[in-house]
């Protein structure tokens, strides 16, 4: 057993504060910078913690403790049920009163880079507790294969939950939005299942081909998600050591033939000019390194980078609601997917938070509540109904 000195925890927090101060950048216009810096410092503290070196727990374990440690708030008006389907943890929110007709149903996949987070994630719980009176049924889960299995279970058991098969929405935030995007694409081939009514994508991460898009450059050191941290989580999600992380930052993992094939869909040239005025510099060409490609080639597959799906798939997707944040490395992933959907005739409702940052919804119901998060939801809560509740 390893004993920890009482001075270790304060030292870790101070270390996180200093690391954050010297390595992060809070550009003018970002909302509540002091609160954001404090919360991000706590996050960084877990990432640089010596506890992993002491063999007590891993960095991801510390993240899970930090982000999942608060018990979920219970609403007396809702029936909240936890269950497992093929070892997949699910949480179901329903009104306590009996249904008078068929309900609308949402499958929501939370963020967490596919490595942390849980069905207790407070942002998702808060949103859909508010929406349950109109959306009636909500199912929350995590991880790609878990999300797919949960979706198949849900769609094959709609009668049990009194859900209208014509009113099913699939959504998520961050990597959860990635899972939602991939699953919506996969379901197009499931002719025996109901057709998805809409997809809701909140600041989605949708590609691993180009880490030099304008938003990746402009927000490379902006909390809550650094550019290098995105790639680090990609490695951890794939259960690989991030030994070639710096090469991936430079896009050395992408063969030239692939860059040419997909530049019509993933390119800074496609990003509107108004999103390039904050310090974007076109990337110089980099040399392809086969060993780097081999180390992380999985992020170039369709199930990891749904932005690479063919037009024949994109044109069949349901009506979409996309949220992007200005100070988010993943901003341009959302912008590019919005354009692809619109170019293929898919109706898109888009909301852009000009002072928002990645993970803003995670501040709901937390001790460091951000006023922007409250404004963000208040302005858009009815948009879900207008766009998707038919």
Protein backbone atom coordinates (compact mmCIF):
# COMPACT_ATOMS: atom_id res chain seq x y z
CA UNK A 1 0.00 0.00 0.00
CA UNK A 2 1.31 3.46 -0.94
CA UNK A 3 0.77 6.24 1.61
CA UNK A 4 0.18 9.74 0.29
CA UNK A 5 1.45 12.77 2.15
CA UNK A 6 -1.23 15.38 3.07
CA UNK A 7 0.67 17.90 0.97
CA UNK A 8 0.35 15.87 -2.24
CA UNK A 9 -3.21 16.86 -3.17
CA UNK A 10 -2.67 20.63 -2.71
CA UNK A 11 0.59 20.30 -4.64
CA UNK A 12 -1.24 18.57 -7.47
CA UNK A 13 -3.87 21.30 -7.60
CA UNK A 14 -1.19 24.01 -7.63
CA UNK A 15 0.62 22.07 -10.35
CA UNK A 16 -2.54 21.97 -12.39
CA UNK A 17 -3.10 25.70 -11.93
CA UNK A 18 0.44 26.57 -13.03
CA UNK A 19 0.30 24.14 -15.96
CA UNK A 20 -3.00 25.59 -17.11
CA UNK A 21 -1.79 29.18 -16.75
CA UNK A 22 1.35 28.66 -18.81
CA UNK A 23 -0.05 26.26 -21.43
CA UNK A 24 -3.62 27.39 -22.11
CA UNK A 25 -4.83 30.47 -23.92
CA UNK A 26 -8.12 32.23 -23.21
CA UNK A 27 -8.85 34.39 -26.26
CA UNK A 28 -10.87 37.61 -25.98
CA UNK A 29 -14.59 36.96 -26.18
CA UNK A 30 -14.68 33.63 -24.36
CA UNK A 31 -17.30 33.54 -21.61
CA UNK A 32 -16.46 33.46 -17.88
CA UNK A 33 -12.68 32.98 -18.33
CA UNK A 34 -11.83 32.77 -14.62
CA UNK A 35 -14.34 30.01 -13.87
CA UNK A 36 -13.29 28.16 -16.99
CA UNK A 37 -9.62 28.34 -16.01
CA UNK A 38 -10.28 27.01 -12.51
CA UNK A 39 -12.32 24.06 -13.73
CA UNK A 40 -9.84 23.29 -16.48
CA UNK A 41 -6.99 23.40 -13.95
CA UNK A 42 -8.74 20.71 -11.93
CA UNK A 43 -9.04 18.64 -15.09
CA UNK A 44 -5.36 19.14 -15.90
CA UNK A 45 -4.49 18.16 -12.33
CA UNK A 46 -5.86 14.69 -12.97
CA UNK A 47 -3.99 14.42 -16.26
CA UNK A 48 -0.56 15.27 -14.81
CA UNK A 49 -1.15 13.55 -11.50
CA UNK A 50 1.68 11.58 -9.94
CA UNK A 51 -0.91 9.14 -8.59
CA UNK A 52 -0.63 7.14 -11.79
CA UNK A 53 3.13 6.98 -11.41
CA UNK A 54 2.60 5.73 -7.86
CA UNK A 55 0.51 2.89 -9.26
CA UNK A 56 -2.63 3.97 -7.39
CA UNK A 57 -4.85 4.67 -10.38
CA UNK A 58 -4.62 5.76 -14.01
CA UNK A 59 -5.18 9.22 -15.44
CA UNK A 60 -8.50 8.08 -16.91
CA UNK A 61 -9.60 6.68 -13.55
CA UNK A 62 -8.94 10.08 -12.01
CA UNK A 63 -10.94 11.76 -14.76
CA UNK A 64 -13.84 9.41 -14.14
CA UNK A 65 -13.74 10.20 -10.42
CA UNK A 66 -13.66 13.94 -11.11
CA UNK A 67 -16.44 13.96 -13.71
CA UNK A 68 -18.69 11.19 -12.43
CA UNK A 69 -18.34 11.50 -8.69
CA UNK A 70 -21.48 13.56 -8.06
CA UNK A 71 -24.64 11.45 -7.63
CA UNK A 72 -27.39 12.16 -10.19
CA UNK A 73 -30.13 14.56 -9.26
CA UNK A 74 -33.52 12.89 -8.99
CA UNK A 75 -36.69 14.57 -10.26
CA UNK A 76 -39.90 13.65 -8.44
CA UNK A 77 -41.88 14.02 -11.68
CA UNK A 78 -39.77 11.50 -13.59
CA UNK A 79 -39.38 7.75 -13.53
CA UNK A 80 -35.63 7.09 -13.85
CA UNK A 81 -34.66 3.48 -14.38
CA UNK A 82 -31.22 1.92 -14.80
CA UNK A 83 -30.83 -1.41 -16.56
CA UNK A 84 -28.31 -3.46 -18.51
CA UNK A 85 -28.75 -4.93 -21.97
CA UNK A 86 -25.97 -7.31 -22.96
CA UNK A 87 -23.83 -5.70 -20.22
CA UNK A 88 -24.53 -2.22 -21.64
CA UNK A 89 -25.55 0.23 -18.88
CA UNK A 90 -28.63 2.23 -19.82
CA UNK A 91 -30.67 4.91 -18.08
CA UNK A 92 -34.28 5.52 -19.02
CA UNK A 93 -36.18 8.74 -18.25
CA UNK A 94 -39.97 8.67 -18.52
CA UNK A 95 -42.84 10.70 -17.04
CA UNK A 96 -44.47 8.94 -14.10
CA UNK A 97 -47.97 9.36 -15.50
CA UNK A 98 -49.29 6.72 -17.95
CA UNK A 99 -48.97 7.60 -21.65
CA UNK A 100 -52.09 8.84 -23.40
CA UNK A 101 -50.62 7.99 -26.78
CA UNK A 102 -47.40 7.07 -28.50
CA UNK A 103 -44.36 8.87 -27.12
CA UNK A 104 -41.45 10.55 -28.82
CA UNK A 105 -38.13 8.90 -28.02
CA UNK A 106 -34.54 10.11 -27.82
CA UNK A 107 -31.41 7.99 -27.72
CA UNK A 108 -28.66 10.19 -26.32
CA UNK A 109 -24.96 9.31 -26.19
CA UNK A 110 -22.82 11.32 -23.80
CA UNK A 111 -19.33 12.65 -24.47
CA UNK A 112 -16.08 11.76 -22.74
CA UNK A 113 -13.72 10.89 -25.61
CA UNK A 114 -14.97 7.30 -25.49
CA UNK A 115 -12.81 6.76 -22.41
CA UNK A 116 -14.61 8.38 -19.46
CA UNK A 117 -18.03 9.66 -18.50
CA UNK A 118 -21.08 7.61 -17.54
CA UNK A 119 -24.86 7.52 -17.60
CA UNK A 120 -24.69 9.83 -14.59
CA UNK A 121 -23.22 12.61 -16.73
CA UNK A 122 -25.03 15.65 -15.42
CA UNK A 123 -25.32 17.73 -18.61
CA UNK A 124 -27.25 15.04 -20.43
CA UNK A 125 -29.42 14.27 -17.42
CA UNK A 126 -30.25 17.93 -16.94
CA UNK A 127 -31.22 18.55 -20.54
CA UNK A 128 -33.53 15.63 -20.91
CA UNK A 129 -35.13 16.00 -17.52
CA UNK A 130 -36.18 19.41 -18.78
CA UNK A 131 -37.33 17.98 -22.10
CA UNK A 132 -39.05 14.86 -20.79
CA UNK A 133 -42.45 16.53 -20.59
CA UNK A 134 -42.49 16.96 -24.35
CA UNK A 135 -40.14 14.25 -25.58
CA UNK A 136 -41.54 11.62 -23.23
CA UNK A 137 -38.82 8.98 -23.46
CA UNK A 138 -35.08 9.22 -23.21
CA UNK A 139 -32.40 6.51 -23.20
CA UNK A 140 -28.77 7.24 -22.33
CA UNK A 141 -25.73 5.05 -22.91
CA UNK A 142 -22.06 5.15 -23.95
CA UNK A 143 -19.25 3.82 -26.20
CA UNK A 144 -19.63 3.02 -29.91
CA UNK A 145 -20.54 -0.68 -29.79
CA UNK A 146 -22.55 -0.15 -26.62
CA UNK A 147 -24.43 2.68 -28.33
CA UNK A 148 -25.15 0.51 -31.34
CA UNK A 149 -26.37 -2.41 -29.22
CA UNK A 150 -28.51 -0.10 -27.11
CA UNK A 151 -30.01 1.44 -30.26
CA UNK A 152 -30.90 -1.96 -31.69
CA UNK A 153 -32.45 -3.02 -28.38
CA UNK A 154 -34.48 0.18 -28.16
CA UNK A 155 -35.75 0.09 -31.74
CA UNK A 156 -36.77 -3.54 -31.40
CA UNK A 157 -38.72 -2.85 -28.21
CA UNK A 158 -40.60 0.34 -29.00
CA UNK A 159 -43.94 -1.16 -28.02
CA UNK A 160 -42.72 -1.85 -24.50
CA UNK A 161 -41.98 1.84 -24.02
CA UNK A 162 -44.98 3.14 -26.03
CA UNK A 163 -42.71 5.01 -28.45
CA UNK A 164 -43.91 6.17 -31.87
CA UNK A 165 -41.55 4.58 -34.45
CA UNK A 166 -41.87 7.70 -36.59
CA UNK A 167 -40.61 9.99 -33.81
CA UNK A 168 -37.16 8.67 -32.87
CA UNK A 169 -34.24 11.09 -32.41
CA UNK A 170 -30.61 10.05 -32.01
CA UNK A 171 -28.15 12.54 -30.56
CA UNK A 172 -25.14 13.20 -28.39
CA UNK A 173 -22.42 15.63 -27.41
CA UNK A 174 -18.73 15.58 -28.39
CA UNK A 175 -17.69 11.95 -29.06
CA UNK A 176 -21.28 10.97 -28.23
CA UNK A 177 -22.29 13.05 -31.24
CA UNK A 178 -19.73 11.06 -33.24
CA UNK A 179 -21.38 7.81 -32.11
CA UNK A 180 -24.80 9.21 -33.00
CA UNK A 181 -23.58 10.19 -36.47
CA UNK A 182 -22.05 6.79 -37.16
CA UNK A 183 -25.11 4.93 -35.91
CA UNK A 184 -27.47 7.04 -38.04
CA UNK A 185 -25.34 6.07 -41.04
CA UNK A 186 -25.32 2.37 -40.08
CA UNK A 187 -29.08 2.28 -39.56
CA UNK A 188 -29.67 3.23 -43.20
CA UNK A 189 -28.93 -0.41 -44.06
CA UNK A 190 -31.26 -1.78 -41.36
CA UNK A 191 -34.44 -1.97 -43.43
CA UNK A 192 -36.23 -3.93 -40.71
CA UNK A 193 -35.93 -1.05 -38.22
CA UNK A 194 -37.81 2.26 -38.05
CA UNK A 195 -36.34 5.24 -39.85
CA UNK A 196 -34.67 7.81 -37.59
CA UNK A 197 -36.61 11.07 -37.52
CA UNK A 198 -33.66 13.37 -36.71
CA UNK A 199 -30.11 13.55 -35.41
CA UNK A 200 -28.93 16.07 -32.79
CA UNK A 201 -25.17 16.71 -32.77
CA UNK A 202 -23.71 18.98 -30.07
CA UNK A 203 -20.14 20.12 -30.86
CA UNK A 204 -19.33 16.81 -32.62
CA UNK A 205 -15.90 15.38 -33.39
CA UNK A 206 -16.26 13.74 -36.80
CA UNK A 207 -12.87 13.22 -38.42
CA UNK A 208 -9.26 12.25 -37.71
CA UNK A 209 -7.80 13.21 -41.07
CA UNK A 210 -6.86 16.88 -40.65
CA UNK A 211 -5.73 18.37 -37.34
CA UNK A 212 -4.73 21.67 -38.99
CA UNK A 213 -8.18 22.97 -39.85
CA UNK A 214 -8.66 26.60 -38.75
CA UNK A 215 -10.41 25.69 -35.49
CA UNK A 216 -7.64 23.23 -34.59
CA UNK A 217 -5.06 25.97 -35.05
CA UNK A 218 -7.00 28.81 -33.45
CA UNK A 219 -8.12 26.81 -30.42
CA UNK A 220 -5.15 24.48 -30.02
CA UNK A 221 -4.56 25.68 -26.44
CA UNK A 222 -8.07 26.77 -25.47
CA UNK A 223 -9.80 24.91 -22.61
CA UNK A 224 -11.58 22.57 -22.27
CA UNK A 225 -10.03 20.57 -25.10
CA UNK A 226 -6.51 21.11 -26.43
CA UNK A 227 -5.61 19.86 -29.90
CA UNK A 228 -3.00 17.46 -28.51
CA UNK A 229 -5.51 16.24 -25.95
CA UNK A 230 -7.88 15.25 -28.78
CA UNK A 231 -5.20 13.08 -30.32
CA UNK A 232 -4.12 11.71 -26.93
CA UNK A 233 -7.70 10.57 -26.28
CA UNK A 234 -7.79 8.98 -29.73
CA UNK A 235 -4.84 6.82 -28.74
CA UNK A 236 -6.37 5.98 -25.35
CA UNK A 237 -9.71 5.12 -26.97
CA UNK A 238 -7.87 2.71 -29.27
CA UNK A 239 -5.89 1.35 -26.30
CA UNK A 240 -2.57 2.42 -27.82
CA UNK A 241 0.42 4.32 -26.51
CA UNK A 242 0.61 7.88 -27.89
CA UNK A 243 4.24 7.49 -29.00
CA UNK A 244 3.73 9.20 -32.37
CA UNK A 245 1.36 11.91 -31.13
CA UNK A 246 3.48 14.80 -32.44
CA UNK A 247 3.57 13.25 -35.91
CA UNK A 248 -0.22 12.89 -35.91
CA UNK A 249 -0.53 16.56 -34.95
CA UNK A 250 1.32 17.30 -38.21
CA UNK A 251 -1.00 14.98 -40.21
CA UNK A 252 1.88 12.62 -41.02
CA UNK A 253 -0.51 9.67 -40.56
CA UNK A 254 -2.49 10.43 -43.74
CA UNK A 255 -1.34 9.06 -47.12
CA UNK A 256 -1.20 11.67 -49.86
CA UNK A 257 -3.73 9.73 -51.92
CA UNK A 258 -6.23 9.93 -49.05
CA UNK A 259 -5.62 13.66 -48.60
CA UNK A 260 -6.39 14.23 -52.27
CA UNK A 261 -9.45 11.96 -52.26
CA UNK A 262 -11.11 13.63 -49.30
CA UNK A 263 -10.05 17.27 -49.68
CA UNK A 264 -13.42 17.93 -51.37
CA UNK A 265 -15.02 17.22 -47.96
CA UNK A 266 -12.30 17.97 -45.38
CA UNK A 267 -10.31 21.07 -46.17
CA UNK A 268 -9.74 24.56 -44.78
CA UNK A 269 -10.79 25.85 -48.22
CA UNK A 270 -14.37 24.79 -47.45
CA UNK A 271 -14.54 26.65 -44.12
CA UNK A 272 -16.25 30.06 -44.49
CA UNK A 273 -13.84 33.00 -44.39
CA UNK A 274 -15.42 34.51 -41.28
CA UNK A 275 -14.07 31.56 -39.30
CA UNK A 276 -10.49 32.14 -40.48
CA UNK A 277 -9.92 35.70 -39.33
CA UNK A 278 -8.69 34.71 -35.86
CA UNK A 279 -5.12 33.73 -36.69
CA UNK A 280 -5.43 30.92 -39.22
CA UNK A 281 -2.30 30.09 -41.25
CA UNK A 282 -2.50 27.54 -44.12
CA UNK A 283 -0.53 24.41 -43.28
CA UNK A 284 2.66 23.61 -45.13
CA UNK A 285 2.74 20.17 -46.69
CA UNK A 286 4.05 17.42 -44.43
CA UNK A 287 5.69 14.12 -45.28
CA UNK A 288 3.65 10.96 -44.95
CA UNK A 289 5.11 8.44 -42.50
CA UNK A 290 3.84 4.87 -43.03
CA UNK A 291 4.78 3.82 -39.50
CA UNK A 292 2.65 6.64 -38.08
CA UNK A 293 -0.27 5.63 -40.28
CA UNK A 294 0.02 2.05 -39.10
CA UNK A 295 0.04 3.15 -35.47
CA UNK A 296 -3.30 4.95 -35.68
CA UNK A 297 -4.91 4.00 -39.00
CA UNK A 298 -8.22 3.21 -37.26
CA UNK A 299 -9.06 6.90 -36.94
CA UNK A 300 -9.33 7.10 -40.74
CA UNK A 301 -12.12 4.52 -40.93
CA UNK A 302 -15.77 5.51 -41.47
CA UNK A 303 -16.78 4.34 -38.01
CA UNK A 304 -14.29 6.79 -36.48
CA UNK A 305 -14.45 9.56 -39.10
CA UNK A 306 -18.05 9.62 -40.40
CA UNK A 307 -17.22 12.76 -42.39
CA UNK A 308 -15.56 10.37 -44.86
CA UNK A 309 -18.83 8.61 -45.72
CA UNK A 310 -19.85 8.69 -49.37
CA UNK A 311 -22.54 11.05 -50.67
CA UNK A 312 -24.78 8.05 -51.32
CA UNK A 313 -24.93 7.63 -47.53
CA UNK A 314 -25.06 11.30 -46.53
CA UNK A 315 -28.03 12.08 -48.77
CA UNK A 316 -30.19 9.52 -46.93
CA UNK A 317 -29.60 10.92 -43.45
CA UNK A 318 -32.42 12.47 -41.41
CA UNK A 319 -33.05 16.10 -40.60
CA UNK A 320 -30.23 17.39 -38.41
CA UNK A 321 -29.58 19.88 -35.63
CA UNK A 322 -25.91 20.85 -35.19
CA UNK A 323 -24.33 22.98 -32.46
CA UNK A 324 -20.83 24.44 -32.79
CA UNK A 325 -18.82 26.64 -30.42
CA UNK A 326 -16.37 29.30 -31.57
CA UNK A 327 -13.62 28.44 -29.07
CA UNK A 328 -13.62 24.70 -29.74
CA UNK A 329 -11.03 22.70 -31.68
CA UNK A 330 -13.90 20.58 -33.05
CA UNK A 331 -15.81 23.58 -34.40
CA UNK A 332 -14.85 22.96 -38.03
CA UNK A 333 -15.87 19.28 -37.89
CA UNK A 334 -19.41 20.51 -37.26
CA UNK A 335 -19.17 23.17 -39.97
CA UNK A 336 -17.92 20.67 -42.55
CA UNK A 337 -20.64 18.14 -41.72
CA UNK A 338 -23.27 20.86 -41.89
CA UNK A 339 -22.11 21.73 -45.41
CA UNK A 340 -22.03 18.09 -46.50
CA UNK A 341 -25.54 17.49 -45.28
CA UNK A 342 -26.87 20.65 -46.93
CA UNK A 343 -25.07 19.89 -50.20
CA UNK A 344 -26.84 16.53 -50.19
CA UNK A 345 -30.29 17.97 -49.62
CA UNK A 346 -30.57 17.23 -45.89
CA UNK A 347 -32.33 19.91 -43.84
CA UNK A 348 -30.03 21.33 -41.15
CA UNK A 349 -30.73 23.66 -38.24
CA UNK A 350 -27.46 25.13 -37.00
CA UNK A 351 -26.69 27.05 -33.82
CA UNK A 352 -23.27 28.61 -33.30
CA UNK A 353 -22.24 29.88 -29.85
CA UNK A 354 -19.89 32.78 -30.52
CA UNK A 355 -18.49 32.78 -26.98
CA UNK A 356 -18.82 29.05 -26.25
CA UNK A 357 -16.13 26.44 -25.74
CA UNK A 358 -15.98 22.67 -25.95
CA UNK A 359 -17.93 20.81 -23.30
CA UNK A 360 -20.03 23.79 -22.23
CA UNK A 361 -23.02 21.60 -21.40
CA UNK A 362 -20.96 19.76 -18.79
CA UNK A 363 -21.24 22.85 -16.61
CA UNK A 364 -24.95 22.30 -16.04
CA UNK A 365 -25.90 21.56 -12.45
CA UNK A 366 -22.26 21.84 -11.38
CA UNK A 367 -20.72 23.99 -8.67
CA UNK A 368 -19.09 26.18 -11.32
CA UNK A 369 -22.22 26.86 -13.37
CA UNK A 370 -21.55 29.13 -16.33
CA UNK A 371 -24.07 31.79 -17.26
CA UNK A 372 -23.41 31.05 -20.93
CA UNK A 373 -24.46 27.45 -20.49
CA UNK A 374 -27.77 28.56 -19.03
CA UNK A 375 -28.30 31.09 -21.82
CA UNK A 376 -27.28 28.51 -24.40
CA UNK A 377 -29.93 26.01 -23.35
CA UNK A 378 -32.61 28.63 -22.70
CA UNK A 379 -32.24 29.98 -26.24
CA UNK A 380 -32.32 26.55 -27.87
CA UNK A 381 -34.57 24.39 -25.75
CA UNK A 382 -37.59 25.12 -27.95
CA UNK A 383 -35.60 24.65 -31.15
CA UNK A 384 -35.53 20.92 -30.56
CA UNK A 385 -39.34 20.85 -30.57
CA UNK A 386 -39.68 23.10 -33.57
CA UNK A 387 -37.19 21.15 -35.65
CA UNK A 388 -37.79 17.59 -34.65
CA UNK A 389 -41.07 17.08 -32.81
CA UNK A 390 -43.60 16.52 -35.54
